[in-house]
């Protein structure tokens, strides 16, 4: 399902974005106009034409063909006017061991190393997927195609799994800790500690990230930004703009315009 880019060939792929509930693949010309960004996923940047430079706040810049950024780590990517393949992996869905392995095995790879691992391969265009292929496109399939192996799922307490599902399915609602604990017979403080121990993420940060992530699903929608902000549960356009800019390094209007020509693939299959 992947098409390899022959060495020395011109890159002809169009920008695209593929979204599953727990993974994102984005290919576009990122440029060098991005502000610092903080995403709640493990971020893997792959320069498809040249090395990229990632400035992590408080650390030395990393220059390589592949750079991995941990979840919730403020950073700025400088890629020039080249295509960059960006992969997002939701940390609460993958074991700590798999996250550590992924970061340690990919971060700082050279061109030759990235080619050897197949990281410069180009994914199948969304229009080439049959309807049945789209409905069955799981995170496991995504991982095998991106990394050549499946990532180990993170074990999770059923109560915390219910809370994460509630956030993802009710993205426009204001969800309080009490909404998750009313039937669990545990205190709010106990729930917050349990949530962190199970997911590695604070509950409030998880909610903020999932709401901002949901903008990717609506990025090509014809609705106005004001309507999208309301649909995602932001109290007003100012909060929406501030959240999107701090998450992705671009305000929502520029982000939407930048991705307008992208081919789009979305599956809600878990």
C-alpha atoms as a PDB file:
ATOM      1  CA  UNK A   1       0.000   0.000   0.000  1.00  0.00           C
ATOM      2  CA  UNK A   2       3.052   2.263   0.005  1.00  0.00           C
ATOM      3  CA  UNK A   3       4.809   3.679  -3.034  1.00  0.00           C
ATOM      4  CA  UNK A   4       8.575   4.043  -2.715  1.00  0.00           C
ATOM      5  CA  UNK A   5      10.234   7.214  -3.958  1.00  0.00           C
ATOM      6  CA  UNK A   6      13.229   6.163  -6.135  1.00  0.00           C
ATOM      7  CA  UNK A   7      16.535   7.725  -5.200  1.00  0.00           C
ATOM      8  CA  UNK A   8      17.160  10.947  -7.082  1.00  0.00           C
ATOM      9  CA  UNK A   9      13.576  11.210  -8.369  1.00  0.00           C
ATOM     10  CA  UNK A  10      11.491  14.363  -8.199  1.00  0.00           C
ATOM     11  CA  UNK A  11       8.916  14.455  -5.440  1.00  0.00           C
ATOM     12  CA  UNK A  12       5.498  14.544  -7.089  1.00  0.00           C
ATOM     13  CA  UNK A  13       3.171  13.800  -4.191  1.00  0.00           C
ATOM     14  CA  UNK A  14       0.496  16.325  -3.358  1.00  0.00           C
ATOM     15  CA  UNK A  15      -0.027  17.495   0.227  1.00  0.00           C
ATOM     16  CA  UNK A  16      -2.212  15.130   2.224  1.00  0.00           C
ATOM     17  CA  UNK A  17      -3.518  14.409   5.679  1.00  0.00           C
ATOM     18  CA  UNK A  18      -4.660  11.029   7.046  1.00  0.00           C
ATOM     19  CA  UNK A  19      -6.440  10.908  10.396  1.00  0.00           C
ATOM     20  CA  UNK A  20      -7.394   7.882  12.476  1.00  0.00           C
ATOM     21  CA  UNK A  21      -8.626   8.137  16.074  1.00  0.00           C
ATOM     22  CA  UNK A  22      -5.095   7.572  17.435  1.00  0.00           C
ATOM     23  CA  UNK A  23      -2.726   8.504  14.589  1.00  0.00           C
ATOM     24  CA  UNK A  24      -2.186  11.332  12.119  1.00  0.00           C
ATOM     25  CA  UNK A  25      -0.069  11.491   8.978  1.00  0.00           C
ATOM     26  CA  UNK A  26       0.470  14.883   7.381  1.00  0.00           C
ATOM     27  CA  UNK A  27       2.575  15.605   4.315  1.00  0.00           C
ATOM     28  CA  UNK A  28       3.078  19.186   3.167  1.00  0.00           C
ATOM     29  CA  UNK A  29       5.641  21.922   2.665  1.00  0.00           C
ATOM     30  CA  UNK A  30       5.958  23.202   6.226  1.00  0.00           C
ATOM     31  CA  UNK A  31       8.179  26.150   5.410  1.00  0.00           C
ATOM     32  CA  UNK A  32       9.891  28.161   8.127  1.00  0.00           C
ATOM     33  CA  UNK A  33       7.097  30.448   9.312  1.00  0.00           C
ATOM     34  CA  UNK A  34       5.884  28.314  12.214  1.00  0.00           C
ATOM     35  CA  UNK A  35       5.935  29.600  15.779  1.00  0.00           C
ATOM     36  CA  UNK A  36       6.679  27.303  18.701  1.00  0.00           C
ATOM     37  CA  UNK A  37       4.100  24.544  18.952  1.00  0.00           C
ATOM     38  CA  UNK A  38       3.069  22.124  21.689  1.00  0.00           C
ATOM     39  CA  UNK A  39       1.237  18.983  20.573  1.00  0.00           C
ATOM     40  CA  UNK A  40      -0.063  16.313  22.911  1.00  0.00           C
ATOM     41  CA  UNK A  41       1.193  13.483  20.713  1.00  0.00           C
ATOM     42  CA  UNK A  42       4.593  11.975  20.021  1.00  0.00           C
ATOM     43  CA  UNK A  43       5.631  13.899  16.908  1.00  0.00           C
ATOM     44  CA  UNK A  44       7.866  12.359  14.235  1.00  0.00           C
ATOM     45  CA  UNK A  45       9.191  14.744  11.578  1.00  0.00           C
ATOM     46  CA  UNK A  46      10.722  13.271   8.411  1.00  0.00           C
ATOM     47  CA  UNK A  47      12.356  15.524   5.837  1.00  0.00           C
ATOM     48  CA  UNK A  48      11.485  14.048   2.454  1.00  0.00           C
ATOM     49  CA  UNK A  49      14.016  16.145   0.531  1.00  0.00           C
ATOM     50  CA  UNK A  50      16.615  17.354   3.012  1.00  0.00           C
ATOM     51  CA  UNK A  51      17.518  17.470   6.693  1.00  0.00           C
ATOM     52  CA  UNK A  52      15.275  19.429   9.038  1.00  0.00           C
ATOM     53  CA  UNK A  53      16.139  21.409  12.160  1.00  0.00           C
ATOM     54  CA  UNK A  54      14.010  21.227  15.302  1.00  0.00           C
ATOM     55  CA  UNK A  55      14.538  23.691  18.132  1.00  0.00           C
ATOM     56  CA  UNK A  56      13.282  22.199  21.401  1.00  0.00           C
ATOM     57  CA  UNK A  57      12.764  24.781  24.108  1.00  0.00           C
ATOM     58  CA  UNK A  58      15.610  24.589  26.618  1.00  0.00           C
ATOM     59  CA  UNK A  59      17.686  22.163  24.526  1.00  0.00           C
ATOM     60  CA  UNK A  60      20.190  22.265  21.681  1.00  0.00           C
ATOM     61  CA  UNK A  61      18.714  22.198  18.154  1.00  0.00           C
ATOM     62  CA  UNK A  62      18.563  18.823  16.396  1.00  0.00           C
ATOM     63  CA  UNK A  63      19.455  18.636  12.710  1.00  0.00           C
ATOM     64  CA  UNK A  64      18.710  15.327  10.999  1.00  0.00           C
ATOM     65  CA  UNK A  65      16.512  13.658   8.407  1.00  0.00           C
ATOM     66  CA  UNK A  66      14.232  12.370  11.179  1.00  0.00           C
ATOM     67  CA  UNK A  67      13.511  14.153  14.456  1.00  0.00           C
ATOM     68  CA  UNK A  68      11.191  12.901  17.208  1.00  0.00           C
ATOM     69  CA  UNK A  69       9.593  15.251  19.744  1.00  0.00           C
ATOM     70  CA  UNK A  70       7.998  13.930  22.974  1.00  0.00           C
ATOM     71  CA  UNK A  71       4.368  14.802  23.777  1.00  0.00           C
ATOM     72  CA  UNK A  72       3.736  18.294  25.161  1.00  0.00           C
ATOM     73  CA  UNK A  73       7.298  19.436  24.388  1.00  0.00           C
ATOM     74  CA  UNK A  74       7.472  23.010  23.088  1.00  0.00           C
ATOM     75  CA  UNK A  75       9.428  23.154  19.844  1.00  0.00           C
ATOM     76  CA  UNK A  76       9.831  24.901  16.523  1.00  0.00           C
ATOM     77  CA  UNK A  77      10.625  23.144  13.258  1.00  0.00           C
ATOM     78  CA  UNK A  78      12.618  24.791  10.450  1.00  0.00           C
ATOM     79  CA  UNK A  79      12.373  22.825   7.217  1.00  0.00           C
ATOM     80  CA  UNK A  80      12.741  25.304   4.397  1.00  0.00           C
ATOM     81  CA  UNK A  81      10.433  24.911   1.423  1.00  0.00           C
ATOM     82  CA  UNK A  82      10.481  21.122   1.322  1.00  0.00           C
ATOM     83  CA  UNK A  83       7.967  18.366   1.867  1.00  0.00           C
ATOM     84  CA  UNK A  84       7.923  17.047   5.422  1.00  0.00           C
ATOM     85  CA  UNK A  85       6.143  13.894   6.547  1.00  0.00           C
ATOM     86  CA  UNK A  86       4.761  14.391  10.063  1.00  0.00           C
ATOM     87  CA  UNK A  87       3.418  11.464  12.065  1.00  0.00           C
ATOM     88  CA  UNK A  88       1.498  11.886  15.326  1.00  0.00           C
ATOM     89  CA  UNK A  89       1.104   8.996  17.773  1.00  0.00           C
ATOM     90  CA  UNK A  90      -1.301   9.462  20.687  1.00  0.00           C
ATOM     91  CA  UNK A  91       0.707   8.512  23.813  1.00  0.00           C
ATOM     92  CA  UNK A  92      -2.224   7.195  25.839  1.00  0.00           C
ATOM     93  CA  UNK A  93      -2.729   4.444  23.227  1.00  0.00           C
ATOM     94  CA  UNK A  94       0.846   3.089  23.245  1.00  0.00           C
ATOM     95  CA  UNK A  95       2.867   1.492  26.038  1.00  0.00           C
ATOM     96  CA  UNK A  96       5.736   3.463  27.557  1.00  0.00           C
ATOM     97  CA  UNK A  97       8.153   0.818  26.289  1.00  0.00           C
ATOM     98  CA  UNK A  98       6.943   1.253  22.694  1.00  0.00           C
ATOM     99  CA  UNK A  99       7.102   5.049  22.924  1.00  0.00           C
ATOM    100  CA  UNK A 100      10.662   4.898  24.251  1.00  0.00           C
ATOM    101  CA  UNK A 101      11.664   2.415  21.543  1.00  0.00           C
ATOM    102  CA  UNK A 102      10.102   4.539  18.810  1.00  0.00           C
ATOM    103  CA  UNK A 103      11.847   7.711  19.952  1.00  0.00           C
ATOM    104  CA  UNK A 104      15.244   6.104  20.549  1.00  0.00           C
ATOM    105  CA  UNK A 105      15.237   4.208  17.234  1.00  0.00           C
ATOM    106  CA  UNK A 106      14.119   7.095  15.015  1.00  0.00           C
ATOM    107  CA  UNK A 107      15.389  10.334  16.539  1.00  0.00           C
ATOM    108  CA  UNK A 108      18.361  11.810  14.702  1.00  0.00           C
ATOM    109  CA  UNK A 109      18.405   9.400  11.754  1.00  0.00           C
ATOM    110  CA  UNK A 110      20.403  10.300   8.657  1.00  0.00           C
ATOM    111  CA  UNK A 111      19.170  10.077   5.060  1.00  0.00           C
ATOM    112  CA  UNK A 112      20.626   6.596   4.550  1.00  0.00           C
ATOM    113  CA  UNK A 113      19.173   5.307   7.817  1.00  0.00           C
ATOM    114  CA  UNK A 114      15.748   6.786   7.049  1.00  0.00           C
ATOM    115  CA  UNK A 115      15.764   5.212   3.588  1.00  0.00           C
ATOM    116  CA  UNK A 116      16.771   1.835   5.009  1.00  0.00           C
ATOM    117  CA  UNK A 117      13.795   1.880   7.379  1.00  0.00           C
ATOM    118  CA  UNK A 118      11.419   2.935   4.591  1.00  0.00           C
ATOM    119  CA  UNK A 119      10.557   6.231   6.254  1.00  0.00           C
ATOM    120  CA  UNK A 120      10.811   8.140   2.975  1.00  0.00           C
ATOM    121  CA  UNK A 121       8.150   6.008   1.327  1.00  0.00           C
ATOM    122  CA  UNK A 122       5.060   7.833   0.185  1.00  0.00           C
ATOM    123  CA  UNK A 123       1.651   6.615   1.339  1.00  0.00           C
ATOM    124  CA  UNK A 124      -1.110   5.561  -0.965  1.00  0.00           C
ATOM    125  CA  UNK A 125      -3.279   8.494  -2.025  1.00  0.00           C
ATOM    126  CA  UNK A 126      -6.577   8.610  -0.096  1.00  0.00           C
ATOM    127  CA  UNK A 127      -8.585   8.510  -3.351  1.00  0.00           C
ATOM    128  CA  UNK A 128      -7.087   5.093  -4.103  1.00  0.00           C
ATOM    129  CA  UNK A 129      -8.610   3.461  -1.022  1.00  0.00           C
ATOM    130  CA  UNK A 130     -11.799   1.487  -1.466  1.00  0.00           C
ATOM    131  CA  UNK A 131     -14.664   2.145   0.927  1.00  0.00           C
ATOM    132  CA  UNK A 132     -14.022  -1.175   2.670  1.00  0.00           C
ATOM    133  CA  UNK A 133     -10.320  -0.363   3.047  1.00  0.00           C
ATOM    134  CA  UNK A 134     -11.171   2.967   4.663  1.00  0.00           C
ATOM    135  CA  UNK A 135     -13.616   1.402   7.125  1.00  0.00           C
ATOM    136  CA  UNK A 136     -11.036  -1.186   8.211  1.00  0.00           C
ATOM    137  CA  UNK A 137      -8.043   1.173   8.380  1.00  0.00           C
ATOM    138  CA  UNK A 138      -6.990   0.769  12.007  1.00  0.00           C
ATOM    139  CA  UNK A 139      -4.137   2.189  14.058  1.00  0.00           C
ATOM    140  CA  UNK A 140      -2.433  -1.199  13.813  1.00  0.00           C
ATOM    141  CA  UNK A 141      -2.471  -1.023  10.011  1.00  0.00           C
ATOM    142  CA  UNK A 142      -1.206   2.551  10.222  1.00  0.00           C
ATOM    143  CA  UNK A 143       1.691   1.528  12.489  1.00  0.00           C
ATOM    144  CA  UNK A 144       2.742  -1.379  10.290  1.00  0.00           C
ATOM    145  CA  UNK A 145       2.761   0.833   7.214  1.00  0.00           C
ATOM    146  CA  UNK A 146       4.616   3.668   8.922  1.00  0.00           C
ATOM    147  CA  UNK A 147       7.044   1.704  11.105  1.00  0.00           C
ATOM    148  CA  UNK A 148       6.908  -1.866   9.718  1.00  0.00           C
ATOM    149  CA  UNK A 149       5.652  -3.219  13.047  1.00  0.00           C
ATOM    150  CA  UNK A 150       2.710  -2.785  15.385  1.00  0.00           C
ATOM    151  CA  UNK A 151       3.073  -0.674  18.506  1.00  0.00           C
ATOM    152  CA  UNK A 152       2.206  -2.315  21.800  1.00  0.00           C
ATOM    153  CA  UNK A 153      -1.067  -0.950  23.233  1.00  0.00           C
ATOM    154  CA  UNK A 154      -0.995   0.720  26.636  1.00  0.00           C
ATOM    155  CA  UNK A 155      -2.834  -1.188  29.355  1.00  0.00           C
ATOM    156  CA  UNK A 156      -5.514   1.018  30.855  1.00  0.00           C
ATOM    157  CA  UNK A 157      -7.897   0.865  33.788  1.00  0.00           C
ATOM    158  CA  UNK A 158     -11.483   0.515  32.512  1.00  0.00           C
ATOM    159  CA  UNK A 159     -12.513   3.625  34.438  1.00  0.00           C
ATOM    160  CA  UNK A 160      -9.848   5.733  32.768  1.00  0.00           C
ATOM    161  CA  UNK A 161     -10.651   4.216  29.367  1.00  0.00           C
ATOM    162  CA  UNK A 162     -14.244   5.318  29.878  1.00  0.00           C
ATOM    163  CA  UNK A 163     -13.045   8.846  30.701  1.00  0.00           C
ATOM    164  CA  UNK A 164     -10.838   9.081  27.599  1.00  0.00           C
ATOM    165  CA  UNK A 165     -13.691   7.823  25.436  1.00  0.00           C
ATOM    166  CA  UNK A 166     -16.031  10.399  26.974  1.00  0.00           C
ATOM    167  CA  UNK A 167     -13.651  13.228  26.101  1.00  0.00           C
ATOM    168  CA  UNK A 168     -13.206  12.035  22.508  1.00  0.00           C
ATOM    169  CA  UNK A 169     -16.907  11.501  21.855  1.00  0.00           C
ATOM    170  CA  UNK A 170     -18.092  14.699  23.575  1.00  0.00           C
ATOM    171  CA  UNK A 171     -15.431  17.090  22.348  1.00  0.00           C
ATOM    172  CA  UNK A 172     -17.741  20.123  22.345  1.00  0.00           C
ATOM    173  CA  UNK A 173     -18.893  19.601  25.944  1.00  0.00           C
ATOM    174  CA  UNK A 174     -17.351  20.989  29.106  1.00  0.00           C
ATOM    175  CA  UNK A 175     -16.278  17.812  30.885  1.00  0.00           C
ATOM    176  CA  UNK A 176     -15.423  18.164  34.545  1.00  0.00           C
ATOM    177  CA  UNK A 177     -13.612  15.674  36.727  1.00  0.00           C
ATOM    178  CA  UNK A 178     -16.891  15.094  38.536  1.00  0.00           C
ATOM    179  CA  UNK A 179     -18.482  13.966  35.264  1.00  0.00           C
ATOM    180  CA  UNK A 180     -16.001  11.093  35.202  1.00  0.00           C
ATOM    181  CA  UNK A 181     -16.099  10.172  38.880  1.00  0.00           C
ATOM    182  CA  UNK A 182     -19.807  10.278  39.692  1.00  0.00           C
ATOM    183  CA  UNK A 183     -20.256   6.559  38.985  1.00  0.00           C
ATOM    184  CA  UNK A 184     -16.751   5.403  39.907  1.00  0.00           C
ATOM    185  CA  UNK A 185     -16.901   5.838  43.671  1.00  0.00           C
ATOM    186  CA  UNK A 186     -13.501   7.533  43.800  1.00  0.00           C
ATOM    187  CA  UNK A 187     -12.538  11.070  44.718  1.00  0.00           C
ATOM    188  CA  UNK A 188     -11.568  13.690  42.151  1.00  0.00           C
ATOM    189  CA  UNK A 189      -7.987  13.748  43.408  1.00  0.00           C
ATOM    190  CA  UNK A 190      -7.770   9.954  43.152  1.00  0.00           C
ATOM    191  CA  UNK A 191      -9.172  10.099  39.613  1.00  0.00           C
ATOM    192  CA  UNK A 192      -6.617  12.701  38.527  1.00  0.00           C
ATOM    193  CA  UNK A 193      -3.734  10.613  39.910  1.00  0.00           C
ATOM    194  CA  UNK A 194      -5.124   7.474  38.300  1.00  0.00           C
ATOM    195  CA  UNK A 195      -5.514   9.270  34.982  1.00  0.00           C
ATOM    196  CA  UNK A 196      -1.868  10.366  34.953  1.00  0.00           C
ATOM    197  CA  UNK A 197      -0.587   6.937  35.983  1.00  0.00           C
ATOM    198  CA  UNK A 198      -2.620   5.292  33.208  1.00  0.00           C
ATOM    199  CA  UNK A 199      -2.063   7.761  30.386  1.00  0.00           C
ATOM    200  CA  UNK A 200       1.047   9.740  31.304  1.00  0.00           C
ATOM    201  CA  UNK A 201      -0.988  12.924  30.772  1.00  0.00           C
ATOM    202  CA  UNK A 202      -2.806  15.297  33.114  1.00  0.00           C
ATOM    203  CA  UNK A 203      -6.568  15.187  32.548  1.00  0.00           C
ATOM    204  CA  UNK A 204      -6.864  18.900  31.759  1.00  0.00           C
ATOM    205  CA  UNK A 205      -4.004  18.736  29.255  1.00  0.00           C
ATOM    206  CA  UNK A 206      -5.606  15.694  27.646  1.00  0.00           C
ATOM    207  CA  UNK A 207      -8.876  17.598  27.152  1.00  0.00           C
ATOM    208  CA  UNK A 208      -7.118  20.657  25.723  1.00  0.00           C
ATOM    209  CA  UNK A 209      -5.101  18.591  23.250  1.00  0.00           C
ATOM    210  CA  UNK A 210      -8.058  16.503  22.054  1.00  0.00           C
ATOM    211  CA  UNK A 211     -10.092  19.624  21.375  1.00  0.00           C
ATOM    212  CA  UNK A 212      -7.281  21.230  19.393  1.00  0.00           C
ATOM    213  CA  UNK A 213      -6.615  17.935  17.586  1.00  0.00           C
ATOM    214  CA  UNK A 214     -10.254  17.822  16.496  1.00  0.00           C
ATOM    215  CA  UNK A 215      -9.641  20.942  14.412  1.00  0.00           C
ATOM    216  CA  UNK A 216      -7.665  18.725  12.012  1.00  0.00           C
ATOM    217  CA  UNK A 217     -10.860  16.816  11.243  1.00  0.00           C
ATOM    218  CA  UNK A 218     -12.645  20.051  10.345  1.00  0.00           C
ATOM    219  CA  UNK A 219      -9.758  21.832   8.641  1.00  0.00           C
ATOM    220  CA  UNK A 220     -11.276  21.461   5.160  1.00  0.00           C
ATOM    221  CA  UNK A 221     -14.901  21.972   6.219  1.00  0.00           C
ATOM    222  CA  UNK A 222     -16.739  24.808   4.421  1.00  0.00           C
ATOM    223  CA  UNK A 223     -18.009  26.179   7.743  1.00  0.00           C
ATOM    224  CA  UNK A 224     -16.718  29.491   9.056  1.00  0.00           C
ATOM    225  CA  UNK A 225     -14.019  29.508  11.703  1.00  0.00           C
ATOM    226  CA  UNK A 226     -16.527  30.959  14.147  1.00  0.00           C
ATOM    227  CA  UNK A 227     -18.835  28.018  13.561  1.00  0.00           C
ATOM    228  CA  UNK A 228     -15.961  25.533  13.860  1.00  0.00           C
ATOM    229  CA  UNK A 229     -14.916  27.125  17.146  1.00  0.00           C
ATOM    230  CA  UNK A 230     -18.458  26.678  18.459  1.00  0.00           C
ATOM    231  CA  UNK A 231     -18.659  23.093  17.161  1.00  0.00           C
ATOM    232  CA  UNK A 232     -15.461  22.250  19.049  1.00  0.00           C
ATOM    233  CA  UNK A 233     -16.703  23.760  22.278  1.00  0.00           C
ATOM    234  CA  UNK A 234     -14.462  26.820  22.480  1.00  0.00           C
ATOM    235  CA  UNK A 235     -16.106  29.669  24.418  1.00  0.00           C
ATOM    236  CA  UNK A 236     -15.275  32.199  21.675  1.00  0.00           C
ATOM    237  CA  UNK A 237     -13.087  32.788  18.633  1.00  0.00           C
ATOM    238  CA  UNK A 238     -10.299  34.327  20.687  1.00  0.00           C
ATOM    239  CA  UNK A 239      -9.850  31.208  22.802  1.00  0.00           C
ATOM    240  CA  UNK A 240     -10.038  29.075  19.657  1.00  0.00           C
ATOM    241  CA  UNK A 241      -7.382  31.078  17.828  1.00  0.00           C
ATOM    242  CA  UNK A 242      -5.055  31.145  20.847  1.00  0.00           C
ATOM    243  CA  UNK A 243      -5.387  27.383  21.382  1.00  0.00           C
ATOM    244  CA  UNK A 244      -4.762  26.454  17.744  1.00  0.00           C
ATOM    245  CA  UNK A 245      -1.794  28.787  17.410  1.00  0.00           C
ATOM    246  CA  UNK A 246      -0.102  27.516  20.574  1.00  0.00           C
ATOM    247  CA  UNK A 247      -0.736  23.904  19.504  1.00  0.00           C
ATOM    248  CA  UNK A 248       0.272  24.035  15.841  1.00  0.00           C
ATOM    249  CA  UNK A 249       2.346  27.194  15.516  1.00  0.00           C
ATOM    250  CA  UNK A 250      -0.120  28.876  13.132  1.00  0.00           C
ATOM    251  CA  UNK A 251      -3.418  30.697  13.675  1.00  0.00           C
ATOM    252  CA  UNK A 252      -6.434  28.729  12.446  1.00  0.00           C
ATOM    253  CA  UNK A 253      -7.092  30.865   9.359  1.00  0.00           C
ATOM    254  CA  UNK A 254      -3.540  30.517   8.036  1.00  0.00           C
ATOM    255  CA  UNK A 255      -3.519  26.844   8.937  1.00  0.00           C
ATOM    256  CA  UNK A 256      -6.759  26.270   7.035  1.00  0.00           C
ATOM    257  CA  UNK A 257      -5.495  28.148   3.971  1.00  0.00           C
ATOM    258  CA  UNK A 258      -2.173  26.288   4.072  1.00  0.00           C
ATOM    259  CA  UNK A 259      -3.919  22.893   4.027  1.00  0.00           C
ATOM    260  CA  UNK A 260      -6.716  23.761   1.600  1.00  0.00           C
ATOM    261  CA  UNK A 261      -5.171  21.795  -1.289  1.00  0.00           C
ATOM    262  CA  UNK A 262      -4.446  18.676   0.785  1.00  0.00           C
ATOM    263  CA  UNK A 263      -5.959  15.317  -0.056  1.00  0.00           C
ATOM    264  CA  UNK A 264      -7.956  14.203   2.977  1.00  0.00           C
ATOM    265  CA  UNK A 265      -8.424  10.792   4.586  1.00  0.00           C
ATOM    266  CA  UNK A 266     -10.486  10.366   7.766  1.00  0.00           C
ATOM    267  CA  UNK A 267     -11.594   7.212   9.511  1.00  0.00           C
ATOM    268  CA  UNK A 268     -13.273   6.949  12.874  1.00  0.00           C
ATOM    269  CA  UNK A 269     -12.659   3.209  13.044  1.00  0.00           C
ATOM    270  CA  UNK A 270     -10.808   2.281  16.256  1.00  0.00           C
END
